[in-house]
PDB file of N, CA and C in Angstrom:
ATOM      1  N   MET A   1     -12.248   9.591  15.365  1.00  0.00           N
ATOM      2  CA  MET A   1     -11.293   8.810  14.386  1.00  0.00           C
ATOM      3  C   MET A   1     -12.205   7.969  13.417  1.00  0.00           C
ATOM      4  N   PRO A   2     -11.763   8.016  12.226  1.00  0.00           N
ATOM      5  CA  PRO A   2     -12.561   7.346  11.127  1.00  0.00           C
ATOM      6  C   PRO A   2     -12.405   5.774  11.305  1.00  0.00           C
ATOM      7  N   VAL A   3     -13.299   5.077  10.806  1.00  0.00           N
ATOM      8  CA  VAL A   3     -13.251   3.559  10.807  1.00  0.00           C
ATOM      9  C   VAL A   3     -12.634   3.121   9.565  1.00  0.00           C
ATOM     10  N   ALA A   4     -12.119   1.913   9.584  1.00  0.00           N
ATOM     11  CA  ALA A   4     -11.344   1.246   8.395  1.00  0.00           C
ATOM     12  C   ALA A   4     -12.340   1.314   7.169  1.00  0.00           C
ATOM     13  N   SER A   5     -13.601   0.942   7.379  1.00  0.00           N
ATOM     14  CA  SER A   5     -14.467   0.783   6.227  1.00  0.00           C
ATOM     15  C   SER A   5     -14.745   2.075   5.540  1.00  0.00           C
ATOM     16  N   SER A   6     -14.491   3.228   6.082  1.00  0.00           N
ATOM     17  CA  SER A   6     -14.693   4.612   5.477  1.00  0.00           C
ATOM     18  C   SER A   6     -13.638   4.793   4.435  1.00  0.00           C
ATOM     19  N   PHE A   7     -12.511   4.070   4.242  1.00  0.00           N
ATOM     20  CA  PHE A   7     -11.549   4.217   3.295  1.00  0.00           C
ATOM     21  C   PHE A   7     -11.805   3.232   2.055  1.00  0.00           C
ATOM     22  N   LEU A   8     -12.795   2.436   2.235  1.00  0.00           N
ATOM     23  CA  LEU A   8     -13.023   1.396   1.176  1.00  0.00           C
ATOM     24  C   LEU A   8     -13.969   1.915   0.088  1.00  0.00           C
ATOM     25  N   PRO A   9     -13.787   1.413  -1.107  1.00  0.00           N
ATOM     26  CA  PRO A   9     -12.673   0.687  -1.652  1.00  0.00           C
ATOM     27  C   PRO A   9     -11.442   1.615  -1.789  1.00  0.00           C
ATOM     28  N   LEU A  10     -10.240   1.024  -1.476  1.00  0.00           N
ATOM     29  CA  LEU A  10      -8.991   1.682  -1.563  1.00  0.00           C
ATOM     30  C   LEU A  10      -8.620   1.942  -3.067  1.00  0.00           C
ATOM     31  N   LYS A  11      -8.067   3.165  -3.359  1.00  0.00           N
ATOM     32  CA  LYS A  11      -7.581   3.342  -4.666  1.00  0.00           C
ATOM     33  C   LYS A  11      -6.373   2.383  -4.951  1.00  0.00           C
ATOM     34  N   PRO A  12      -6.160   1.925  -6.150  1.00  0.00           N
ATOM     35  CA  PRO A  12      -5.088   0.976  -6.392  1.00  0.00           C
ATOM     36  C   PRO A  12      -3.685   1.461  -5.860  1.00  0.00           C
ATOM     37  N   ASN A  13      -3.361   2.695  -6.067  1.00  0.00           N
ATOM     38  CA  ASN A  13      -2.093   3.151  -5.590  1.00  0.00           C
ATOM     39  C   ASN A  13      -1.984   3.068  -4.059  1.00  0.00           C
ATOM     40  N   TRP A  14      -3.066   3.469  -3.342  1.00  0.00           N
ATOM     41  CA  TRP A  14      -3.133   3.358  -1.843  1.00  0.00           C
ATOM     42  C   TRP A  14      -2.922   1.828  -1.502  1.00  0.00           C
ATOM     43  N   PHE A  15      -3.646   0.979  -2.148  1.00  0.00           N
ATOM     44  CA  PHE A  15      -3.629  -0.383  -1.757  1.00  0.00           C
ATOM     45  C   PHE A  15      -2.180  -0.917  -2.001  1.00  0.00           C
ATOM     46  N   HIS A  16      -1.478  -0.635  -3.085  1.00  0.00           N
ATOM     47  CA  HIS A  16      -0.263  -1.222  -3.299  1.00  0.00           C
ATOM     48  C   HIS A  16       0.858  -0.574  -2.415  1.00  0.00           C
ATOM     49  N   ILE A  17       0.732   0.606  -2.086  1.00  0.00           N
ATOM     50  CA  ILE A  17       1.710   1.265  -1.131  1.00  0.00           C
ATOM     51  C   ILE A  17       1.457   0.528   0.246  1.00  0.00           C
ATOM     52  N   LEU A  18       0.335   0.506   0.754  1.00  0.00           N
ATOM     53  CA  LEU A  18       0.130  -0.171   2.056  1.00  0.00           C
ATOM     54  C   LEU A  18       0.615  -1.631   1.933  1.00  0.00           C
ATOM     55  N   LEU A  19       0.278  -2.372   0.962  1.00  0.00           N
ATOM     56  CA  LEU A  19       0.771  -3.647   0.849  1.00  0.00           C
ATOM     57  C   LEU A  19       2.230  -3.880   0.826  1.00  0.00           C
ATOM     58  N   THR A  20       2.900  -2.905   0.170  1.00  0.00           N
ATOM     59  CA  THR A  20       4.408  -2.807   0.249  1.00  0.00           C
ATOM     60  C   THR A  20       4.891  -2.746   1.682  1.00  0.00           C
ATOM     61  N   LEU A  21       4.279  -1.809   2.453  1.00  0.00           N
ATOM     62  CA  LEU A  21       4.656  -1.478   3.789  1.00  0.00           C
ATOM     63  C   LEU A  21       4.372  -2.571   4.880  1.00  0.00           C
ATOM     64  N   VAL A  22       3.637  -3.629   4.500  1.00  0.00           N
ATOM     65  CA  VAL A  22       3.330  -4.697   5.395  1.00  0.00           C
ATOM     66  C   VAL A  22       4.651  -5.450   5.869  1.00  0.00           C
ATOM     67  N   ASP A  23       5.523  -5.414   4.858  1.00  0.00           N
ATOM     68  CA  ASP A  23       6.820  -6.154   5.110  1.00  0.00           C
ATOM     69  C   ASP A  23       7.784  -5.322   5.908  1.00  0.00           C
ATOM     70  N   GLY A  24       7.499  -4.074   6.154  1.00  0.00           N
ATOM     71  CA  GLY A  24       8.330  -3.168   7.002  1.00  0.00           C
ATOM     72  C   GLY A  24       8.613  -1.948   6.260  1.00  0.00           C
ATOM     73  N   PRO A  25       9.364  -1.051   6.856  1.00  0.00           N
ATOM     74  CA  PRO A  25       9.651   0.349   6.232  1.00  0.00           C
ATOM     75  C   PRO A  25      10.270   0.205   4.958  1.00  0.00           C
ATOM     76  N   HIS A  26       9.859   1.140   3.998  1.00  0.00           N
ATOM     77  CA  HIS A  26      10.551   1.230   2.702  1.00  0.00           C
ATOM     78  C   HIS A  26      10.643   2.716   2.440  1.00  0.00           C
ATOM     79  N   HIS A  27      11.611   3.037   1.621  1.00  0.00           N
ATOM     80  CA  HIS A  27      11.732   4.471   1.102  1.00  0.00           C
ATOM     81  C   HIS A  27      10.933   4.524  -0.200  1.00  0.00           C
ATOM     82  N   GLY A  28      10.725   5.768  -0.650  1.00  0.00           N
ATOM     83  CA  GLY A  28       9.894   5.975  -1.798  1.00  0.00           C
ATOM     84  C   GLY A  28      10.332   5.223  -3.026  1.00  0.00           C
ATOM     85  N   TYR A  29      11.580   5.262  -3.437  1.00  0.00           N
ATOM     86  CA  TYR A  29      12.061   4.592  -4.629  1.00  0.00           C
ATOM     87  C   TYR A  29      11.866   3.062  -4.506  1.00  0.00           C
ATOM     88  N   GLY A  30      12.063   2.551  -3.233  1.00  0.00           N
ATOM     89  CA  GLY A  30      11.830   1.102  -2.995  1.00  0.00           C
ATOM     90  C   GLY A  30      10.408   0.732  -3.117  1.00  0.00           C
ATOM     91  N   ILE A  31       9.496   1.569  -2.693  1.00  0.00           N
ATOM     92  CA  ILE A  31       8.036   1.395  -2.913  1.00  0.00           C
ATOM     93  C   ILE A  31       7.766   1.466  -4.460  1.00  0.00           C
ATOM     94  N   MET A  32       8.216   2.325  -5.180  1.00  0.00           N
ATOM     95  CA  MET A  32       8.081   2.381  -6.671  1.00  0.00           C
ATOM     96  C   MET A  32       8.440   1.127  -7.233  1.00  0.00           C
ATOM     97  N   GLN A  33       9.586   0.639  -6.915  1.00  0.00           N
ATOM     98  CA  GLN A  33      10.147  -0.562  -7.507  1.00  0.00           C
ATOM     99  C   GLN A  33       9.325  -1.827  -7.225  1.00  0.00           C
ATOM    100  N   GLU A  34       8.889  -1.929  -5.930  1.00  0.00           N
ATOM    101  CA  GLU A  34       8.231  -3.086  -5.592  1.00  0.00           C
ATOM    102  C   GLU A  34       6.796  -3.180  -6.244  1.00  0.00           C
ATOM    103  N   VAL A  35       6.137  -1.989  -6.294  1.00  0.00           N
ATOM    104  CA  VAL A  35       4.825  -1.921  -6.926  1.00  0.00           C
ATOM    105  C   VAL A  35       4.959  -2.313  -8.391  1.00  0.00           C
ATOM    106  N   ALA A  36       5.866  -1.687  -9.040  1.00  0.00           N
ATOM    107  CA  ALA A  36       6.017  -2.037 -10.497  1.00  0.00           C
ATOM    108  C   ALA A  36       6.322  -3.559 -10.704  1.00  0.00           C
ATOM    109  N   LYS A  37       7.190  -4.147  -9.827  1.00  0.00           N
ATOM    110  CA  LYS A  37       7.445  -5.487  -9.965  1.00  0.00           C
ATOM    111  C   LYS A  37       6.206  -6.343  -9.703  1.00  0.00           C
ATOM    112  N   ARG A  38       5.498  -6.085  -8.616  1.00  0.00           N
ATOM    113  CA  ARG A  38       4.332  -6.883  -8.257  1.00  0.00           C
ATOM    114  C   ARG A  38       3.293  -6.816  -9.370  1.00  0.00           C
ATOM    115  N   THR A  39       3.153  -5.726 -10.032  1.00  0.00           N
ATOM    116  CA  THR A  39       2.122  -5.563 -10.998  1.00  0.00           C
ATOM    117  C   THR A  39       2.616  -5.745 -12.444  1.00  0.00           C
ATOM    118  N   GLU A  40       3.764  -6.287 -12.393  1.00  0.00           N
ATOM    119  CA  GLU A  40       4.442  -6.545 -13.744  1.00  0.00           C
ATOM    120  C   GLU A  40       4.491  -5.398 -14.709  1.00  0.00           C
ATOM    121  N   GLY A  41       4.716  -4.136 -14.015  1.00  0.00           N
ATOM    122  CA  GLY A  41       4.834  -2.924 -14.770  1.00  0.00           C
ATOM    123  C   GLY A  41       3.524  -2.287 -15.125  1.00  0.00           C
ATOM    124  N   LYS A  42       2.363  -2.742 -14.715  1.00  0.00           N
ATOM    125  CA  LYS A  42       1.127  -2.360 -15.087  1.00  0.00           C
ATOM    126  C   LYS A  42       0.777  -1.120 -14.285  1.00  0.00           C
ATOM    127  N   LEU A  43       1.253  -0.968 -13.085  1.00  0.00           N
ATOM    128  CA  LEU A  43       1.009   0.153 -12.242  1.00  0.00           C
ATOM    129  C   LEU A  43       2.370   0.786 -11.874  1.00  0.00           C
ATOM    130  N   LYS A  44       2.587   1.996 -12.429  1.00  0.00           N
ATOM    131  CA  LYS A  44       3.858   2.658 -12.233  1.00  0.00           C
ATOM    132  C   LYS A  44       3.556   3.916 -11.402  1.00  0.00           C
ATOM    133  N   LEU A  45       4.143   4.021 -10.251  1.00  0.00           N
ATOM    134  CA  LEU A  45       4.004   5.132  -9.432  1.00  0.00           C
ATOM    135  C   LEU A  45       5.042   6.205  -9.658  1.00  0.00           C
ATOM    136  N   TRP A  46       4.763   7.144 -10.438  1.00  0.00           N
ATOM    137  CA  TRP A  46       5.686   8.178 -10.782  1.00  0.00           C
ATOM    138  C   TRP A  46       5.952   9.056  -9.473  1.00  0.00           C
ATOM    139  N   PRO A  47       7.017   9.713  -9.394  1.00  0.00           N
ATOM    140  CA  PRO A  47       7.374  10.479  -8.161  1.00  0.00           C
ATOM    141  C   PRO A  47       6.195  11.424  -7.705  1.00  0.00           C
ATOM    142  N   ALA A  48       5.697  12.208  -8.605  1.00  0.00           N
ATOM    143  CA  ALA A  48       4.642  13.154  -8.234  1.00  0.00           C
ATOM    144  C   ALA A  48       3.411  12.443  -7.673  1.00  0.00           C
ATOM    145  N   THR A  49       3.058  11.340  -8.247  1.00  0.00           N
ATOM    146  CA  THR A  49       1.845  10.462  -7.812  1.00  0.00           C
ATOM    147  C   THR A  49       2.198   9.833  -6.437  1.00  0.00           C
ATOM    148  N   LEU A  50       3.475   9.242  -6.389  1.00  0.00           N
ATOM    149  CA  LEU A  50       3.881   8.517  -5.142  1.00  0.00           C
ATOM    150  C   LEU A  50       3.865   9.374  -4.012  1.00  0.00           C
ATOM    151  N   TYR A  51       4.630  10.493  -4.073  1.00  0.00           N
ATOM    152  CA  TYR A  51       4.781  11.367  -2.954  1.00  0.00           C
ATOM    153  C   TYR A  51       3.510  12.133  -2.606  1.00  0.00           C
ATOM    154  N   GLY A  52       2.655  12.400  -3.606  1.00  0.00           N
ATOM    155  CA  GLY A  52       1.326  13.019  -3.197  1.00  0.00           C
ATOM    156  C   GLY A  52       0.414  11.966  -2.538  1.00  0.00           C
ATOM    157  N   THR A  53       0.533  10.799  -2.868  1.00  0.00           N
ATOM    158  CA  THR A  53      -0.223   9.671  -2.278  1.00  0.00           C
ATOM    159  C   THR A  53       0.352   9.429  -0.831  1.00  0.00           C
ATOM    160  N   ILE A  54       1.602   9.477  -0.674  1.00  0.00           N
ATOM    161  CA  ILE A  54       2.204   9.221   0.634  1.00  0.00           C
ATOM    162  C   ILE A  54       1.776  10.343   1.561  1.00  0.00           C
ATOM    163  N   ARG A  55       1.787  11.640   1.121  1.00  0.00           N
ATOM    164  CA  ARG A  55       1.285  12.702   2.008  1.00  0.00           C
ATOM    165  C   ARG A  55      -0.185  12.415   2.283  1.00  0.00           C
ATOM    166  N   ARG A  56      -1.020  11.970   1.471  1.00  0.00           N
ATOM    167  CA  ARG A  56      -2.409  11.715   1.836  1.00  0.00           C
ATOM    168  C   ARG A  56      -2.609  10.595   2.819  1.00  0.00           C
ATOM    169  N   LEU A  57      -1.757   9.539   2.574  1.00  0.00           N
ATOM    170  CA  LEU A  57      -1.768   8.334   3.443  1.00  0.00           C
ATOM    171  C   LEU A  57      -1.325   8.730   4.816  1.00  0.00           C
ATOM    172  N   GLU A  58      -0.335   9.638   5.002  1.00  0.00           N
ATOM    173  CA  GLU A  58       0.218  10.180   6.311  1.00  0.00           C
ATOM    174  C   GLU A  58      -1.002  10.972   6.850  1.00  0.00           C
ATOM    175  N   ARG A  59      -1.586  11.889   6.158  1.00  0.00           N
ATOM    176  CA  ARG A  59      -2.560  12.701   6.769  1.00  0.00           C
ATOM    177  C   ARG A  59      -3.799  11.821   7.259  1.00  0.00           C
ATOM    178  N   ALA A  60      -4.015  10.768   6.571  1.00  0.00           N
ATOM    179  CA  ALA A  60      -5.138   9.831   6.990  1.00  0.00           C
ATOM    180  C   ALA A  60      -4.774   8.982   8.143  1.00  0.00           C
ATOM    181  N   GLY A  61      -3.432   8.954   8.548  1.00  0.00           N
ATOM    182  CA  GLY A  61      -3.055   8.163   9.643  1.00  0.00           C
ATOM    183  C   GLY A  61      -2.785   6.705   9.292  1.00  0.00           C
ATOM    184  N   LEU A  62      -2.627   6.458   8.060  1.00  0.00           N
ATOM    185  CA  LEU A  62      -2.401   5.081   7.631  1.00  0.00           C
ATOM    186  C   LEU A  62      -0.957   4.691   7.596  1.00  0.00           C
ATOM    187  N   ILE A  63      -0.022   5.641   7.308  1.00  0.00           N
ATOM    188  CA  ILE A  63       1.343   5.439   7.343  1.00  0.00           C
ATOM    189  C   ILE A  63       1.992   6.635   8.079  1.00  0.00           C
ATOM    190  N   ILE A  64       3.274   6.387   8.538  1.00  0.00           N
ATOM    191  CA  ILE A  64       4.024   7.415   9.211  1.00  0.00           C
ATOM    192  C   ILE A  64       5.549   7.454   8.605  1.00  0.00           C
ATOM    193  N   ALA A  65       6.100   8.536   8.744  1.00  0.00           N
ATOM    194  CA  ALA A  65       7.598   8.561   8.502  1.00  0.00           C
ATOM    195  C   ALA A  65       8.337   7.784   9.494  1.00  0.00           C
ATOM    196  N   ALA A  66       9.165   6.907   9.123  1.00  0.00           N
ATOM    197  CA  ALA A  66       9.785   5.958  10.092  1.00  0.00           C
ATOM    198  C   ALA A  66      11.184   6.469  10.415  1.00  0.00           C
ATOM    199  N   ASP A  67      11.605   6.095  11.486  1.00  0.00           N
ATOM    200  CA  ASP A  67      13.026   6.345  11.983  1.00  0.00           C
ATOM    201  C   ASP A  67      13.899   5.205  11.544  1.00  0.00           C
ATOM    202  N   HIS A  68      13.567   4.505  10.525  1.00  0.00           N
ATOM    203  CA  HIS A  68      14.256   3.296  10.077  1.00  0.00           C
ATOM    204  C   HIS A  68      15.687   3.650   9.647  1.00  0.00           C
ATOM    205  N   GLN A  69      16.617   2.753  10.222  1.00  0.00           N
ATOM    206  CA  GLN A  69      18.030   2.807   9.819  1.00  0.00           C
ATOM    207  C   GLN A  69      18.366   1.485   9.224  1.00  0.00           C
ATOM    208  N   PRO A  70      18.544   1.449   7.967  1.00  0.00           N
ATOM    209  CA  PRO A  70      18.900   0.152   7.417  1.00  0.00           C
ATOM    210  C   PRO A  70      20.262  -0.310   7.793  1.00  0.00           C
ATOM    211  N   ALA A  71      20.445  -1.615   7.844  1.00  0.00           N
ATOM    212  CA  ALA A  71      21.625  -2.204   8.242  1.00  0.00           C
ATOM    213  C   ALA A  71      22.847  -1.907   7.270  1.00  0.00           C
ATOM    214  N   ASP A  72      22.416  -1.709   6.104  1.00  0.00           N
ATOM    215  CA  ASP A  72      23.374  -1.458   4.929  1.00  0.00           C
ATOM    216  C   ASP A  72      23.860  -0.057   5.009  1.00  0.00           C
ATOM    217  N   ASP A  73      25.231   0.073   5.279  1.00  0.00           N
ATOM    218  CA  ASP A  73      25.849   1.372   5.392  1.00  0.00           C
ATOM    219  C   ASP A  73      25.818   2.153   4.061  1.00  0.00           C
ATOM    220  N   ALA A  74      25.650   1.431   2.998  1.00  0.00           N
ATOM    221  CA  ALA A  74      25.650   2.102   1.636  1.00  0.00           C
ATOM    222  C   ALA A  74      24.320   2.815   1.366  1.00  0.00           C
ATOM    223  N   ASP A  75      23.341   2.688   2.280  1.00  0.00           N
ATOM    224  CA  ASP A  75      22.050   3.326   1.975  1.00  0.00           C
ATOM    225  C   ASP A  75      22.230   4.825   2.074  1.00  0.00           C
ATOM    226  N   ASP A  76      21.479   5.633   1.255  1.00  0.00           N
ATOM    227  CA  ASP A  76      21.586   7.106   1.151  1.00  0.00           C
ATOM    228  C   ASP A  76      20.848   7.646   2.559  1.00  0.00           C
ATOM    229  N   GLU A  77      21.599   8.336   3.335  1.00  0.00           N
ATOM    230  CA  GLU A  77      20.899   8.843   4.514  1.00  0.00           C
ATOM    231  C   GLU A  77      19.843   9.947   4.270  1.00  0.00           C
ATOM    232  N   ARG A  78      19.765  10.423   3.041  1.00  0.00           N
ATOM    233  CA  ARG A  78      18.725  11.375   2.698  1.00  0.00           C
ATOM    234  C   ARG A  78      17.400  10.709   2.441  1.00  0.00           C
ATOM    235  N   ARG A  79      17.320   9.409   2.311  1.00  0.00           N
ATOM    236  CA  ARG A  79      16.108   8.680   2.072  1.00  0.00           C
ATOM    237  C   ARG A  79      15.147   8.770   3.221  1.00  0.00           C
ATOM    238  N   GLN A  80      13.923   9.001   2.972  1.00  0.00           N
ATOM    239  CA  GLN A  80      12.790   8.997   3.962  1.00  0.00           C
ATOM    240  C   GLN A  80      12.170   7.677   3.875  1.00  0.00           C
ATOM    241  N   TYR A  81      12.062   6.978   5.131  1.00  0.00           N
ATOM    242  CA  TYR A  81      11.381   5.686   5.145  1.00  0.00           C
ATOM    243  C   TYR A  81       9.986   5.905   5.628  1.00  0.00           C
ATOM    244  N   TYR A  82       9.070   5.018   5.205  1.00  0.00           N
ATOM    245  CA  TYR A  82       7.693   5.024   5.620  1.00  0.00           C
ATOM    246  C   TYR A  82       7.266   3.658   6.194  1.00  0.00           C
ATOM    247  N   ALA A  83       6.455   3.657   7.130  1.00  0.00           N
ATOM    248  CA  ALA A  83       6.017   2.551   7.824  1.00  0.00           C
ATOM    249  C   ALA A  83       4.433   2.535   7.940  1.00  0.00           C
ATOM    250  N   LEU A  84       3.847   1.395   7.964  1.00  0.00           N
ATOM    251  CA  LEU A  84       2.470   1.181   8.093  1.00  0.00           C
ATOM    252  C   LEU A  84       2.114   1.388   9.594  1.00  0.00           C
ATOM    253  N   THR A  85       0.990   2.103   9.889  1.00  0.00           N
ATOM    254  CA  THR A  85       0.488   2.368  11.237  1.00  0.00           C
ATOM    255  C   THR A  85      -0.415   1.061  11.559  1.00  0.00           C
ATOM    256  N   SER A  86      -0.779   0.894  12.848  1.00  0.00           N
ATOM    257  CA  SER A  86      -1.717  -0.151  13.032  1.00  0.00           C
ATOM    258  C   SER A  86      -3.098   0.126  12.403  1.00  0.00           C
ATOM    259  N   PHE A  87      -3.485   1.416  12.291  1.00  0.00           N
ATOM    260  CA  PHE A  87      -4.690   1.702  11.625  1.00  0.00           C
ATOM    261  C   PHE A  87      -4.563   1.383  10.114  1.00  0.00           C
ATOM    262  N   GLY A  88      -3.463   1.701   9.577  1.00  0.00           N
ATOM    263  CA  GLY A  88      -3.189   1.419   8.137  1.00  0.00           C
ATOM    264  C   GLY A  88      -3.239  -0.102   7.894  1.00  0.00           C
ATOM    265  N   ARG A  89      -2.784  -0.914   8.788  1.00  0.00           N
ATOM    266  CA  ARG A  89      -2.940  -2.337   8.684  1.00  0.00           C
ATOM    267  C   ARG A  89      -4.406  -2.883   8.729  1.00  0.00           C
ATOM    268  N   GLU A  90      -5.147  -2.180   9.617  1.00  0.00           N
ATOM    269  CA  GLU A  90      -6.529  -2.490   9.800  1.00  0.00           C
ATOM    270  C   GLU A  90      -7.311  -2.155   8.458  1.00  0.00           C
ATOM    271  N   VAL A  91      -6.956  -1.020   7.911  1.00  0.00           N
ATOM    272  CA  VAL A  91      -7.622  -0.655   6.632  1.00  0.00           C
ATOM    273  C   VAL A  91      -7.208  -1.604   5.584  1.00  0.00           C
ATOM    274  N   LEU A  92      -6.054  -1.930   5.431  1.00  0.00           N
ATOM    275  CA  LEU A  92      -5.566  -2.903   4.368  1.00  0.00           C
ATOM    276  C   LEU A  92      -6.213  -4.223   4.585  1.00  0.00           C
ATOM    277  N   ARG A  93      -6.283  -4.662   5.803  1.00  0.00           N
ATOM    278  CA  ARG A  93      -7.038  -5.965   6.109  1.00  0.00           C
ATOM    279  C   ARG A  93      -8.407  -5.960   5.698  1.00  0.00           C
ATOM    280  N   ALA A  94      -9.058  -4.802   5.927  1.00  0.00           N
ATOM    281  CA  ALA A  94     -10.450  -4.712   5.575  1.00  0.00           C
ATOM    282  C   ALA A  94     -10.698  -4.638   4.032  1.00  0.00           C
ATOM    283  N   GLU A  95      -9.683  -4.013   3.346  1.00  0.00           N
ATOM    284  CA  GLU A  95      -9.758  -4.047   1.856  1.00  0.00           C
ATOM    285  C   GLU A  95      -9.527  -5.468   1.357  1.00  0.00           C
ATOM    286  N   VAL A  96      -8.594  -6.209   1.925  1.00  0.00           N
ATOM    287  CA  VAL A  96      -8.329  -7.553   1.528  1.00  0.00           C
ATOM    288  C   VAL A  96      -9.534  -8.384   1.703  1.00  0.00           C
ATOM    289  N   GLN A  97     -10.253  -8.236   2.782  1.00  0.00           N
ATOM    290  CA  GLN A  97     -11.421  -8.977   3.035  1.00  0.00           C
ATOM    291  C   GLN A  97     -12.531  -8.628   2.048  1.00  0.00           C
ATOM    292  N   ARG A  98     -12.570  -7.412   1.710  1.00  0.00           N
ATOM    293  CA  ARG A  98     -13.557  -6.876   0.688  1.00  0.00           C
ATOM    294  C   ARG A  98     -13.345  -7.555  -0.602  1.00  0.00           C
ATOM    295  N   LEU A  99     -12.072  -7.632  -1.038  1.00  0.00           N
ATOM    296  CA  LEU A  99     -11.681  -8.135  -2.349  1.00  0.00           C
ATOM    297  C   LEU A  99     -11.923  -9.628  -2.273  1.00  0.00           C
ATOM    298  N   GLU A 100     -11.653 -10.386  -1.232  1.00  0.00           N
ATOM    299  CA  GLU A 100     -11.834 -11.727  -1.118  1.00  0.00           C
ATOM    300  C   GLU A 100     -13.373 -12.057  -1.325  1.00  0.00           C
ATOM    301  N   LYS A 101     -14.304 -11.258  -0.766  1.00  0.00           N
ATOM    302  CA  LYS A 101     -15.668 -11.454  -0.973  1.00  0.00           C
ATOM    303  C   LYS A 101     -16.067 -11.299  -2.335  1.00  0.00           C
ATOM    304  N   LEU A 102     -15.470 -10.305  -3.033  1.00  0.00           N
ATOM    305  CA  LEU A 102     -15.839 -10.020  -4.462  1.00  0.00           C
ATOM    306  C   LEU A 102     -15.320 -11.226  -5.278  1.00  0.00           C
ATOM    307  N   VAL A 103     -14.269 -11.762  -5.162  1.00  0.00           N
ATOM    308  CA  VAL A 103     -13.709 -12.875  -5.843  1.00  0.00           C
ATOM    309  C   VAL A 103     -14.609 -14.191  -5.553  1.00  0.00           C
ATOM    310  N   LYS A 104     -15.031 -14.332  -4.254  1.00  0.00           N
ATOM    311  CA  LYS A 104     -15.864 -15.406  -3.981  1.00  0.00           C
ATOM    312  C   LYS A 104     -17.139 -15.283  -4.821  1.00  0.00           C
ATOM    313  N   LEU A 105     -17.670 -14.056  -4.749  1.00  0.00           N
ATOM    314  CA  LEU A 105     -18.962 -13.902  -5.453  1.00  0.00           C
ATOM    315  C   LEU A 105     -18.794 -14.081  -6.929  1.00  0.00           C
ATOM    316  N   ALA A 106     -17.644 -13.589  -7.449  1.00  0.00           N
ATOM    317  CA  ALA A 106     -17.429 -13.778  -8.882  1.00  0.00           C
ATOM    318  C   ALA A 106     -17.344 -15.235  -9.334  1.00  0.00           C
ATOM    319  N   ARG A 107     -16.766 -16.112  -8.380  1.00  0.00           N
ATOM    320  CA  ARG A 107     -16.565 -17.431  -8.647  1.00  0.00           C
ATOM    321  C   ARG A 107     -17.861 -18.338  -8.680  1.00  0.00           C
ATOM    322  N   THR A 108     -18.866 -17.686  -8.051  1.00  0.00           N
ATOM    323  CA  THR A 108     -20.186 -18.315  -7.965  1.00  0.00           C
ATOM    324  C   THR A 108     -21.042 -18.119  -9.252  1.00  0.00           C
ATOM    325  N   LYS A 109     -20.594 -17.130 -10.010  1.00  0.00           N
ATOM    326  CA  LYS A 109     -21.385 -16.675 -11.189  1.00  0.00           C
ATOM    327  C   LYS A 109     -21.155 -17.841 -12.244  1.00  0.00           C
ATOM    328  N   GLU A 110     -22.265 -18.288 -12.760  1.00  0.00           N
ATOM    329  CA  GLU A 110     -22.328 -19.396 -13.707  1.00  0.00           C
ATOM    330  C   GLU A 110     -21.413 -19.161 -14.916  1.00  0.00           C
ATOM    331  N   ALA A 111     -21.492 -17.950 -15.509  1.00  0.00           N
ATOM    332  CA  ALA A 111     -20.734 -17.664 -16.659  1.00  0.00           C
ATOM    333  C   ALA A 111     -19.244 -17.923 -16.468  1.00  0.00           C
ATOM    334  N   LEU A 112     -18.782 -17.580 -15.179  1.00  0.00           N
ATOM    335  CA  LEU A 112     -17.353 -17.875 -14.933  1.00  0.00           C
ATOM    336  C   LEU A 112     -16.895 -19.256 -14.648  1.00  0.00           C
ATOM    337  N   THR A 113     -17.913 -20.125 -14.326  1.00  0.00           N
ATOM    338  CA  THR A 113     -17.612 -21.534 -14.119  1.00  0.00           C
ATOM    339  C   THR A 113     -17.651 -22.378 -15.307  1.00  0.00           C
ATOM    340  N   ARG A 114     -17.958 -21.917 -16.359  1.00  0.00           N
ATOM    341  CA  ARG A 114     -18.156 -22.737 -17.653  1.00  0.00           C
ATOM    342  C   ARG A 114     -16.738 -22.852 -18.299  1.00  0.00           C
TER     343      ARG A 114
END
């Protein structure tokens, strides 16, 4: 089994999909909406990109298709929900720690503190 650090640095679309799933299972369109909102529209996951990335994340063992049944009866039963695996959470945590170290380093640079 691969180790979390072997996935670092995460591609931005991988990072944002995993970050979205921390809150619980989401369907593809919900992931697209949340990522666009979080990035203020700077990262748009078009369907081909989103579902290709989801397939790669599933093959890597970072996410799984979820048996999620939303409480809202109005939800479309054809929607596939995805959930973060414990390994996916570990990889995301490792990426967040990596980014925190980079930000800490950047803040120590004299040019940035002026």
